[in-house]
Amino acid sequence: TEIYTLSLHDALPIYPRIAFRGMMDWLEAEIMLCQLTADEETKKALAEVLTFARVLLRCEVLGEPVPASRLCGLTEQEQRQHSHFPQDHYGIPHFMPECTDGQAILQLNACRCAARQAELAAVRAFGDQRSDLLQALNRMSSALYILMIQAKKET
């Protein structure tokens, strides 16, 4: 008797929607792990990001459009300005995380990476048929980057 195993990587071309949902589950798990050690302000922002992730999953499952909303207090346009020009808004230039940045920033970066993986899985699953979902996932990644910048400013 042969035993067949299927890794998530193998599932991507065969079951793209299942792979996308699995990536969203992973993203939610990363966010919750990050909340365990976050300060209260960041924990509150992460709760908002987690709620947003769950709304996106609901929209995908039910075939609903992603509703317009603020994320971490910012409109989509404000968020774009904050993430593209952090020096203007936080006095911190763009940065690449390093191990010396500490656990909080590295955990936020893991969440950001999980959001990017969910975005890639959405591209594989939906192509340009769900541009609202792709844009929302990109926005989530930007929100997590902004949280990283804010945490960096605190150090």
N, C-alpha and C. Protein backbone atom coordinates (compact mmCIF):
# COMPACT_ATOMS: atom_id res chain seq x y z
N THR A 1 0.84 -1.18 0.00
CA THR A 1 0.00 0.00 0.00
C THR A 1 0.88 1.24 0.00
N GLU A 2 0.62 2.11 -0.94
CA GLU A 2 1.37 3.35 -1.00
C GLU A 2 0.66 4.42 -0.19
N ILE A 3 1.46 5.26 0.43
CA ILE A 3 0.91 6.39 1.16
C ILE A 3 1.20 7.64 0.35
N TYR A 4 0.18 8.41 0.09
CA TYR A 4 0.35 9.65 -0.67
C TYR A 4 0.27 10.83 0.28
N THR A 5 1.20 11.73 0.13
CA THR A 5 1.15 12.97 0.90
C THR A 5 1.06 14.12 -0.07
N LEU A 6 0.44 15.17 0.36
CA LEU A 6 0.27 16.35 -0.48
C LEU A 6 0.67 17.56 0.35
N SER A 7 1.74 18.19 -0.03
CA SER A 7 2.15 19.40 0.69
C SER A 7 1.33 20.57 0.18
N LEU A 8 1.34 21.67 0.93
CA LEU A 8 0.62 22.86 0.50
C LEU A 8 1.16 23.34 -0.84
N HIS A 9 2.48 23.26 -1.03
CA HIS A 9 3.07 23.67 -2.30
C HIS A 9 2.51 22.84 -3.44
N ASP A 10 2.36 21.52 -3.23
CA ASP A 10 1.81 20.64 -4.27
C ASP A 10 0.35 20.95 -4.54
N ALA A 11 -0.38 21.41 -3.52
CA ALA A 11 -1.81 21.65 -3.66
C ALA A 11 -2.11 22.93 -4.44
N LEU A 12 -1.14 23.83 -4.51
CA LEU A 12 -1.42 25.14 -5.12
C LEU A 12 -2.01 25.04 -6.53
N PRO A 13 -1.40 24.28 -7.46
CA PRO A 13 -1.99 24.26 -8.80
C PRO A 13 -3.27 23.43 -8.88
N ILE A 14 -3.47 22.48 -7.96
CA ILE A 14 -4.60 21.57 -8.04
C ILE A 14 -5.83 22.15 -7.36
N TYR A 15 -5.66 22.68 -6.18
CA TYR A 15 -6.76 23.19 -5.39
C TYR A 15 -6.46 24.63 -4.93
N PRO A 16 -6.48 25.56 -5.85
CA PRO A 16 -6.03 26.92 -5.50
C PRO A 16 -6.89 27.62 -4.45
N ARG A 17 -8.19 27.39 -4.44
CA ARG A 17 -9.02 28.05 -3.42
C ARG A 17 -8.74 27.46 -2.04
N ILE A 18 -8.52 26.17 -1.97
CA ILE A 18 -8.20 25.54 -0.68
C ILE A 18 -6.84 26.05 -0.21
N ALA A 19 -5.89 26.16 -1.13
CA ALA A 19 -4.57 26.69 -0.76
C ALA A 19 -4.70 28.13 -0.25
N PHE A 20 -5.51 28.94 -0.92
CA PHE A 20 -5.73 30.31 -0.47
C PHE A 20 -6.31 30.32 0.95
N ARG A 21 -7.31 29.51 1.18
CA ARG A 21 -7.93 29.48 2.51
C ARG A 21 -6.94 29.00 3.57
N GLY A 22 -6.09 28.05 3.20
CA GLY A 22 -5.04 27.60 4.12
C GLY A 22 -4.06 28.72 4.45
N MET A 23 -3.71 29.52 3.46
CA MET A 23 -2.82 30.66 3.70
C MET A 23 -3.50 31.70 4.59
N MET A 24 -4.79 31.89 4.42
CA MET A 24 -5.52 32.82 5.29
C MET A 24 -5.55 32.28 6.73
N ASP A 25 -5.70 30.98 6.89
CA ASP A 25 -5.64 30.38 8.23
C ASP A 25 -4.27 30.63 8.85
N TRP A 26 -3.21 30.45 8.05
CA TRP A 26 -1.85 30.68 8.53
C TRP A 26 -1.66 32.14 8.92
N LEU A 27 -2.17 33.05 8.10
CA LEU A 27 -2.09 34.47 8.41
C LEU A 27 -2.77 34.77 9.75
N GLU A 28 -3.96 34.25 9.94
CA GLU A 28 -4.67 34.47 11.20
C GLU A 28 -3.86 33.93 12.38
N ALA A 29 -3.28 32.76 12.22
CA ALA A 29 -2.47 32.17 13.29
C ALA A 29 -1.28 33.06 13.62
N GLU A 30 -0.60 33.58 12.60
CA GLU A 30 0.56 34.47 12.83
C GLU A 30 0.13 35.74 13.56
N ILE A 31 -1.01 36.29 13.17
CA ILE A 31 -1.49 37.50 13.83
C ILE A 31 -1.77 37.23 15.31
N MET A 32 -2.43 36.12 15.60
CA MET A 32 -2.75 35.80 16.99
C MET A 32 -1.49 35.54 17.81
N LEU A 33 -0.50 34.86 17.22
CA LEU A 33 0.76 34.64 17.93
C LEU A 33 1.45 35.97 18.23
N CYS A 34 1.39 36.88 17.29
CA CYS A 34 1.99 38.20 17.47
C CYS A 34 1.28 38.97 18.59
N GLN A 35 -0.03 38.80 18.69
CA GLN A 35 -0.80 39.48 19.73
C GLN A 35 -0.37 39.05 21.14
N LEU A 36 0.11 37.82 21.28
CA LEU A 36 0.47 37.31 22.60
C LEU A 36 1.50 38.17 23.31
N THR A 37 2.43 38.73 22.56
CA THR A 37 3.53 39.48 23.18
C THR A 37 3.51 40.97 22.83
N ALA A 38 2.51 41.40 22.08
CA ALA A 38 2.46 42.80 21.64
C ALA A 38 2.04 43.72 22.79
N ASP A 39 2.46 44.99 22.70
CA ASP A 39 1.97 45.98 23.65
C ASP A 39 0.49 46.23 23.35
N GLU A 40 -0.18 46.91 24.25
CA GLU A 40 -1.64 47.06 24.15
C GLU A 40 -2.08 47.77 22.88
N GLU A 41 -1.37 48.81 22.48
CA GLU A 41 -1.75 49.55 21.27
C GLU A 41 -1.61 48.67 20.03
N THR A 42 -0.50 47.95 19.95
CA THR A 42 -0.27 47.07 18.81
C THR A 42 -1.26 45.90 18.82
N LYS A 43 -1.54 45.39 20.02
CA LYS A 43 -2.50 44.29 20.15
C LYS A 43 -3.87 44.72 19.61
N LYS A 44 -4.27 45.96 19.89
CA LYS A 44 -5.55 46.48 19.41
C LYS A 44 -5.53 46.60 17.88
N ALA A 45 -4.43 47.12 17.33
CA ALA A 45 -4.30 47.24 15.87
C ALA A 45 -4.32 45.86 15.21
N LEU A 46 -3.65 44.89 15.83
CA LEU A 46 -3.63 43.54 15.28
C LEU A 46 -5.02 42.89 15.33
N ALA A 47 -5.79 43.21 16.35
CA ALA A 47 -7.17 42.70 16.42
C ALA A 47 -7.98 43.22 15.23
N GLU A 48 -7.73 44.47 14.86
CA GLU A 48 -8.41 45.05 13.70
C GLU A 48 -7.95 44.36 12.41
N VAL A 49 -6.66 44.08 12.30
CA VAL A 49 -6.14 43.38 11.12
C VAL A 49 -6.71 41.97 11.07
N LEU A 50 -6.82 41.30 12.21
CA LEU A 50 -7.38 39.95 12.26
C LEU A 50 -8.85 39.97 11.82
N THR A 51 -9.60 40.94 12.29
CA THR A 51 -11.00 41.06 11.88
C THR A 51 -11.08 41.28 10.37
N PHE A 52 -10.19 42.13 9.84
CA PHE A 52 -10.15 42.40 8.41
C PHE A 52 -9.86 41.11 7.63
N ALA A 53 -8.91 40.31 8.11
CA ALA A 53 -8.59 39.03 7.45
C ALA A 53 -9.81 38.12 7.42
N ARG A 54 -10.54 38.10 8.50
CA ARG A 54 -11.74 37.24 8.57
C ARG A 54 -12.85 37.75 7.66
N VAL A 55 -12.95 39.06 7.51
CA VAL A 55 -13.91 39.63 6.56
C VAL A 55 -13.53 39.22 5.13
N LEU A 56 -12.24 39.28 4.82
CA LEU A 56 -11.79 38.90 3.48
C LEU A 56 -12.11 37.44 3.19
N LEU A 57 -11.88 36.58 4.15
CA LEU A 57 -12.19 35.17 3.95
C LEU A 57 -13.68 34.96 3.75
N ARG A 58 -14.47 35.66 4.53
CA ARG A 58 -15.93 35.58 4.39
C ARG A 58 -16.35 36.04 3.00
N CYS A 59 -15.79 37.14 2.54
CA CYS A 59 -16.12 37.67 1.22
C CYS A 59 -15.75 36.66 0.13
N GLU A 60 -14.62 35.99 0.29
CA GLU A 60 -14.22 35.00 -0.71
C GLU A 60 -15.18 33.82 -0.71
N VAL A 61 -15.49 33.31 0.45
CA VAL A 61 -16.35 32.13 0.54
C VAL A 61 -17.75 32.42 0.00
N LEU A 62 -18.28 33.59 0.33
CA LEU A 62 -19.65 33.92 -0.08
C LEU A 62 -19.72 34.64 -1.43
N GLY A 63 -18.57 34.93 -2.03
CA GLY A 63 -18.56 35.62 -3.30
C GLY A 63 -19.00 37.07 -3.21
N GLU A 64 -18.82 37.67 -2.05
CA GLU A 64 -19.21 39.07 -1.83
C GLU A 64 -18.03 40.00 -2.13
N PRO A 65 -18.32 41.24 -2.52
CA PRO A 65 -17.24 42.20 -2.70
C PRO A 65 -16.66 42.62 -1.35
N VAL A 66 -15.40 42.99 -1.34
CA VAL A 66 -14.75 43.48 -0.13
C VAL A 66 -15.28 44.89 0.14
N PRO A 67 -15.82 45.12 1.33
CA PRO A 67 -16.36 46.45 1.62
C PRO A 67 -15.24 47.48 1.83
N ALA A 68 -15.52 48.71 1.48
CA ALA A 68 -14.57 49.80 1.75
C ALA A 68 -14.54 50.03 3.26
N SER A 69 -13.35 50.23 3.80
CA SER A 69 -13.25 50.44 5.24
C SER A 69 -11.91 51.07 5.58
N ARG A 70 -11.84 51.59 6.79
CA ARG A 70 -10.57 52.05 7.34
C ARG A 70 -9.87 50.82 7.92
N LEU A 71 -8.55 50.86 7.90
CA LEU A 71 -7.78 49.79 8.52
C LEU A 71 -6.75 50.46 9.41
N CYS A 72 -6.81 50.14 10.68
CA CYS A 72 -5.95 50.76 11.69
C CYS A 72 -6.09 52.28 11.64
N GLY A 73 -7.32 52.72 11.44
CA GLY A 73 -7.63 54.14 11.47
C GLY A 73 -7.35 54.90 10.19
N LEU A 74 -6.85 54.23 9.16
CA LEU A 74 -6.46 54.92 7.93
C LEU A 74 -7.32 54.49 6.75
N THR A 75 -7.66 55.45 5.91
CA THR A 75 -8.31 55.12 4.65
C THR A 75 -7.26 54.46 3.75
N GLU A 76 -7.71 53.93 2.64
CA GLU A 76 -6.78 53.30 1.71
C GLU A 76 -5.73 54.30 1.22
N GLN A 77 -6.15 55.50 0.86
CA GLN A 77 -5.22 56.52 0.36
C GLN A 77 -4.26 56.96 1.47
N GLU A 78 -4.77 57.17 2.69
CA GLU A 78 -3.90 57.56 3.80
C GLU A 78 -2.87 56.47 4.09
N GLN A 79 -3.33 55.24 4.05
CA GLN A 79 -2.43 54.12 4.31
C GLN A 79 -1.32 54.06 3.26
N ARG A 80 -1.66 54.30 2.01
CA ARG A 80 -0.65 54.30 0.95
C ARG A 80 0.40 55.37 1.22
N GLN A 81 -0.04 56.56 1.62
CA GLN A 81 0.89 57.65 1.93
C GLN A 81 1.80 57.28 3.10
N HIS A 82 1.22 56.70 4.15
CA HIS A 82 1.99 56.33 5.34
C HIS A 82 3.01 55.24 5.04
N SER A 83 2.62 54.25 4.23
CA SER A 83 3.54 53.14 3.96
C SER A 83 4.59 53.51 2.92
N HIS A 84 4.26 54.41 2.01
CA HIS A 84 5.23 54.79 0.98
C HIS A 84 6.19 55.89 1.45
N PHE A 85 5.74 56.70 2.39
CA PHE A 85 6.55 57.81 2.87
C PHE A 85 6.62 57.82 4.40
N PRO A 86 7.19 56.76 5.00
CA PRO A 86 7.21 56.68 6.47
C PRO A 86 8.00 57.81 7.12
N GLN A 87 9.01 58.30 6.43
CA GLN A 87 9.81 59.40 6.99
C GLN A 87 8.93 60.62 7.26
N ASP A 88 8.00 60.90 6.35
CA ASP A 88 7.11 62.06 6.50
C ASP A 88 6.12 61.90 7.64
N HIS A 89 5.70 60.67 7.91
CA HIS A 89 4.63 60.43 8.89
C HIS A 89 5.14 59.96 10.25
N TYR A 90 6.28 59.28 10.27
CA TYR A 90 6.77 58.69 11.52
C TYR A 90 8.20 59.09 11.86
N GLY A 91 8.86 59.79 10.92
CA GLY A 91 10.25 60.17 11.16
C GLY A 91 11.20 58.99 11.06
N ILE A 92 10.74 57.91 10.44
CA ILE A 92 11.53 56.68 10.29
C ILE A 92 11.59 56.36 8.79
N PRO A 93 12.79 56.17 8.23
CA PRO A 93 12.85 55.80 6.81
C PRO A 93 12.48 54.33 6.62
N HIS A 94 12.27 53.94 5.37
CA HIS A 94 12.07 52.51 5.07
C HIS A 94 13.25 51.73 5.66
N PHE A 95 12.99 50.52 6.11
CA PHE A 95 14.06 49.70 6.66
C PHE A 95 13.80 48.23 6.37
N MET A 96 14.86 47.47 6.37
CA MET A 96 14.77 46.02 6.27
C MET A 96 14.97 45.48 7.67
N PRO A 97 14.07 44.62 8.15
CA PRO A 97 14.21 44.12 9.51
C PRO A 97 15.49 43.29 9.70
N GLU A 98 16.06 43.44 10.87
CA GLU A 98 17.26 42.71 11.27
C GLU A 98 16.97 42.02 12.60
N CYS A 99 17.72 40.99 12.93
CA CYS A 99 17.49 40.29 14.19
C CYS A 99 17.66 41.22 15.38
N THR A 100 18.43 42.27 15.22
CA THR A 100 18.65 43.24 16.31
C THR A 100 17.44 44.15 16.54
N ASP A 101 16.45 44.08 15.64
CA ASP A 101 15.24 44.91 15.82
C ASP A 101 14.34 44.41 16.93
N GLY A 102 14.52 43.18 17.35
CA GLY A 102 13.75 42.65 18.47
C GLY A 102 12.55 41.84 18.05
N GLN A 103 12.02 41.14 19.02
CA GLN A 103 10.94 40.17 18.80
C GLN A 103 9.68 40.81 18.25
N ALA A 104 9.28 41.96 18.75
CA ALA A 104 8.02 42.58 18.31
C ALA A 104 8.04 42.87 16.81
N ILE A 105 9.12 43.49 16.34
CA ILE A 105 9.22 43.83 14.92
C ILE A 105 9.32 42.56 14.07
N LEU A 106 10.08 41.58 14.55
CA LEU A 106 10.23 40.34 13.78
C LEU A 106 8.92 39.57 13.70
N GLN A 107 8.13 39.59 14.77
CA GLN A 107 6.83 38.91 14.72
C GLN A 107 5.87 39.64 13.78
N LEU A 108 5.91 40.96 13.81
CA LEU A 108 5.09 41.73 12.87
C LEU A 108 5.52 41.43 11.43
N ASN A 109 6.82 41.28 11.22
CA ASN A 109 7.31 40.95 9.89
C ASN A 109 6.83 39.57 9.45
N ALA A 110 6.78 38.62 10.37
CA ALA A 110 6.25 37.29 10.04
C ALA A 110 4.78 37.40 9.62
N CYS A 111 4.02 38.25 10.29
CA CYS A 111 2.63 38.48 9.90
C CYS A 111 2.56 39.10 8.51
N ARG A 112 3.42 40.06 8.25
CA ARG A 112 3.45 40.72 6.94
C ARG A 112 3.78 39.71 5.85
N CYS A 113 4.74 38.84 6.12
CA CYS A 113 5.11 37.79 5.15
C CYS A 113 3.95 36.83 4.91
N ALA A 114 3.22 36.48 5.96
CA ALA A 114 2.06 35.61 5.81
C ALA A 114 0.98 36.29 4.98
N ALA A 115 0.81 37.60 5.15
CA ALA A 115 -0.15 38.34 4.33
C ALA A 115 0.27 38.31 2.86
N ARG A 116 1.56 38.44 2.59
CA ARG A 116 2.07 38.37 1.22
C ARG A 116 1.84 36.98 0.62
N GLN A 117 2.04 35.94 1.42
CA GLN A 117 1.80 34.58 0.92
C GLN A 117 0.32 34.37 0.61
N ALA A 118 -0.55 34.92 1.44
CA ALA A 118 -1.99 34.83 1.17
C ALA A 118 -2.33 35.58 -0.11
N GLU A 119 -1.68 36.71 -0.32
CA GLU A 119 -1.90 37.49 -1.54
C GLU A 119 -1.46 36.69 -2.77
N LEU A 120 -0.31 36.04 -2.69
CA LEU A 120 0.15 35.21 -3.81
C LEU A 120 -0.79 34.04 -4.06
N ALA A 121 -1.28 33.43 -2.99
CA ALA A 121 -2.24 32.33 -3.14
C ALA A 121 -3.53 32.83 -3.78
N ALA A 122 -3.93 34.05 -3.45
CA ALA A 122 -5.14 34.63 -4.06
C ALA A 122 -4.93 34.88 -5.55
N VAL A 123 -3.73 35.32 -5.93
CA VAL A 123 -3.43 35.53 -7.35
C VAL A 123 -3.55 34.20 -8.08
N ARG A 124 -3.00 33.13 -7.48
CA ARG A 124 -3.07 31.80 -8.12
C ARG A 124 -4.52 31.32 -8.22
N ALA A 125 -5.31 31.60 -7.19
CA ALA A 125 -6.68 31.09 -7.14
C ALA A 125 -7.64 31.89 -8.01
N PHE A 126 -7.45 33.21 -8.08
CA PHE A 126 -8.47 34.05 -8.70
C PHE A 126 -7.98 34.88 -9.87
N GLY A 127 -6.67 34.95 -10.08
CA GLY A 127 -6.16 35.82 -11.13
C GLY A 127 -6.66 37.23 -10.92
N ASP A 128 -7.17 37.83 -11.97
CA ASP A 128 -7.70 39.19 -11.82
C ASP A 128 -9.21 39.21 -11.61
N GLN A 129 -9.81 38.05 -11.36
CA GLN A 129 -11.25 37.98 -11.13
C GLN A 129 -11.67 38.57 -9.79
N ARG A 130 -10.74 38.62 -8.83
CA ARG A 130 -11.06 39.19 -7.51
C ARG A 130 -10.05 40.28 -7.17
N SER A 131 -10.00 41.30 -8.02
CA SER A 131 -9.04 42.39 -7.78
C SER A 131 -9.30 43.08 -6.45
N ASP A 132 -10.56 43.09 -5.99
CA ASP A 132 -10.87 43.69 -4.70
C ASP A 132 -10.18 42.93 -3.57
N LEU A 133 -10.17 41.62 -3.66
CA LEU A 133 -9.54 40.78 -2.65
C LEU A 133 -8.02 40.95 -2.70
N LEU A 134 -7.45 40.99 -3.90
CA LEU A 134 -6.01 41.18 -4.03
C LEU A 134 -5.59 42.54 -3.48
N GLN A 135 -6.34 43.56 -3.77
CA GLN A 135 -6.03 44.90 -3.28
C GLN A 135 -6.13 44.95 -1.75
N ALA A 136 -7.13 44.28 -1.20
CA ALA A 136 -7.31 44.26 0.25
C ALA A 136 -6.16 43.52 0.94
N LEU A 137 -5.69 42.44 0.35
CA LEU A 137 -4.56 41.71 0.93
C LEU A 137 -3.27 42.54 0.86
N ASN A 138 -3.10 43.25 -0.24
CA ASN A 138 -1.94 44.14 -0.36
C ASN A 138 -2.03 45.24 0.70
N ARG A 139 -3.21 45.72 0.91
CA ARG A 139 -3.43 46.76 1.92
C ARG A 139 -3.12 46.22 3.33
N MET A 140 -3.49 44.98 3.58
CA MET A 140 -3.20 44.37 4.88
C MET A 140 -1.70 44.28 5.11
N SER A 141 -0.97 43.87 4.09
CA SER A 141 0.49 43.81 4.19
C SER A 141 1.06 45.19 4.51
N SER A 142 0.53 46.21 3.87
CA SER A 142 0.99 47.58 4.13
C SER A 142 0.67 48.01 5.56
N ALA A 143 -0.49 47.63 6.05
CA ALA A 143 -0.86 47.96 7.44
C ALA A 143 0.11 47.31 8.42
N LEU A 144 0.50 46.09 8.15
CA LEU A 144 1.46 45.40 9.02
C LEU A 144 2.83 46.05 8.93
N TYR A 145 3.20 46.52 7.76
CA TYR A 145 4.47 47.24 7.61
C TYR A 145 4.44 48.54 8.41
N ILE A 146 3.32 49.23 8.38
CA ILE A 146 3.18 50.45 9.17
C ILE A 146 3.33 50.15 10.66
N LEU A 147 2.76 49.05 11.11
CA LEU A 147 2.92 48.66 12.52
C LEU A 147 4.39 48.38 12.83
N MET A 148 5.11 47.80 11.86
CA MET A 148 6.55 47.58 12.05
C MET A 148 7.29 48.92 12.21
N ILE A 149 6.94 49.86 11.37
CA ILE A 149 7.56 51.19 11.43
C ILE A 149 7.27 51.85 12.78
N GLN A 150 6.03 51.75 13.22
CA GLN A 150 5.67 52.35 14.51
C GLN A 150 6.45 51.68 15.65
N ALA A 151 6.60 50.36 15.57
CA ALA A 151 7.36 49.66 16.60
C ALA A 151 8.83 50.06 16.55
N LYS A 152 9.36 50.24 15.36
CA LYS A 152 10.76 50.66 15.21
C LYS A 152 10.96 52.05 15.82
N LYS A 153 9.99 52.91 15.64
CA LYS A 153 10.08 54.26 16.19
C LYS A 153 10.13 54.23 17.72
N GLU A 154 9.46 53.26 18.31
CA GLU A 154 9.41 53.13 19.77
C GLU A 154 10.75 52.66 20.34
N THR A 155 11.58 52.02 19.51
CA THR A 155 12.85 51.47 20.03
C THR A 155 13.98 52.46 19.96
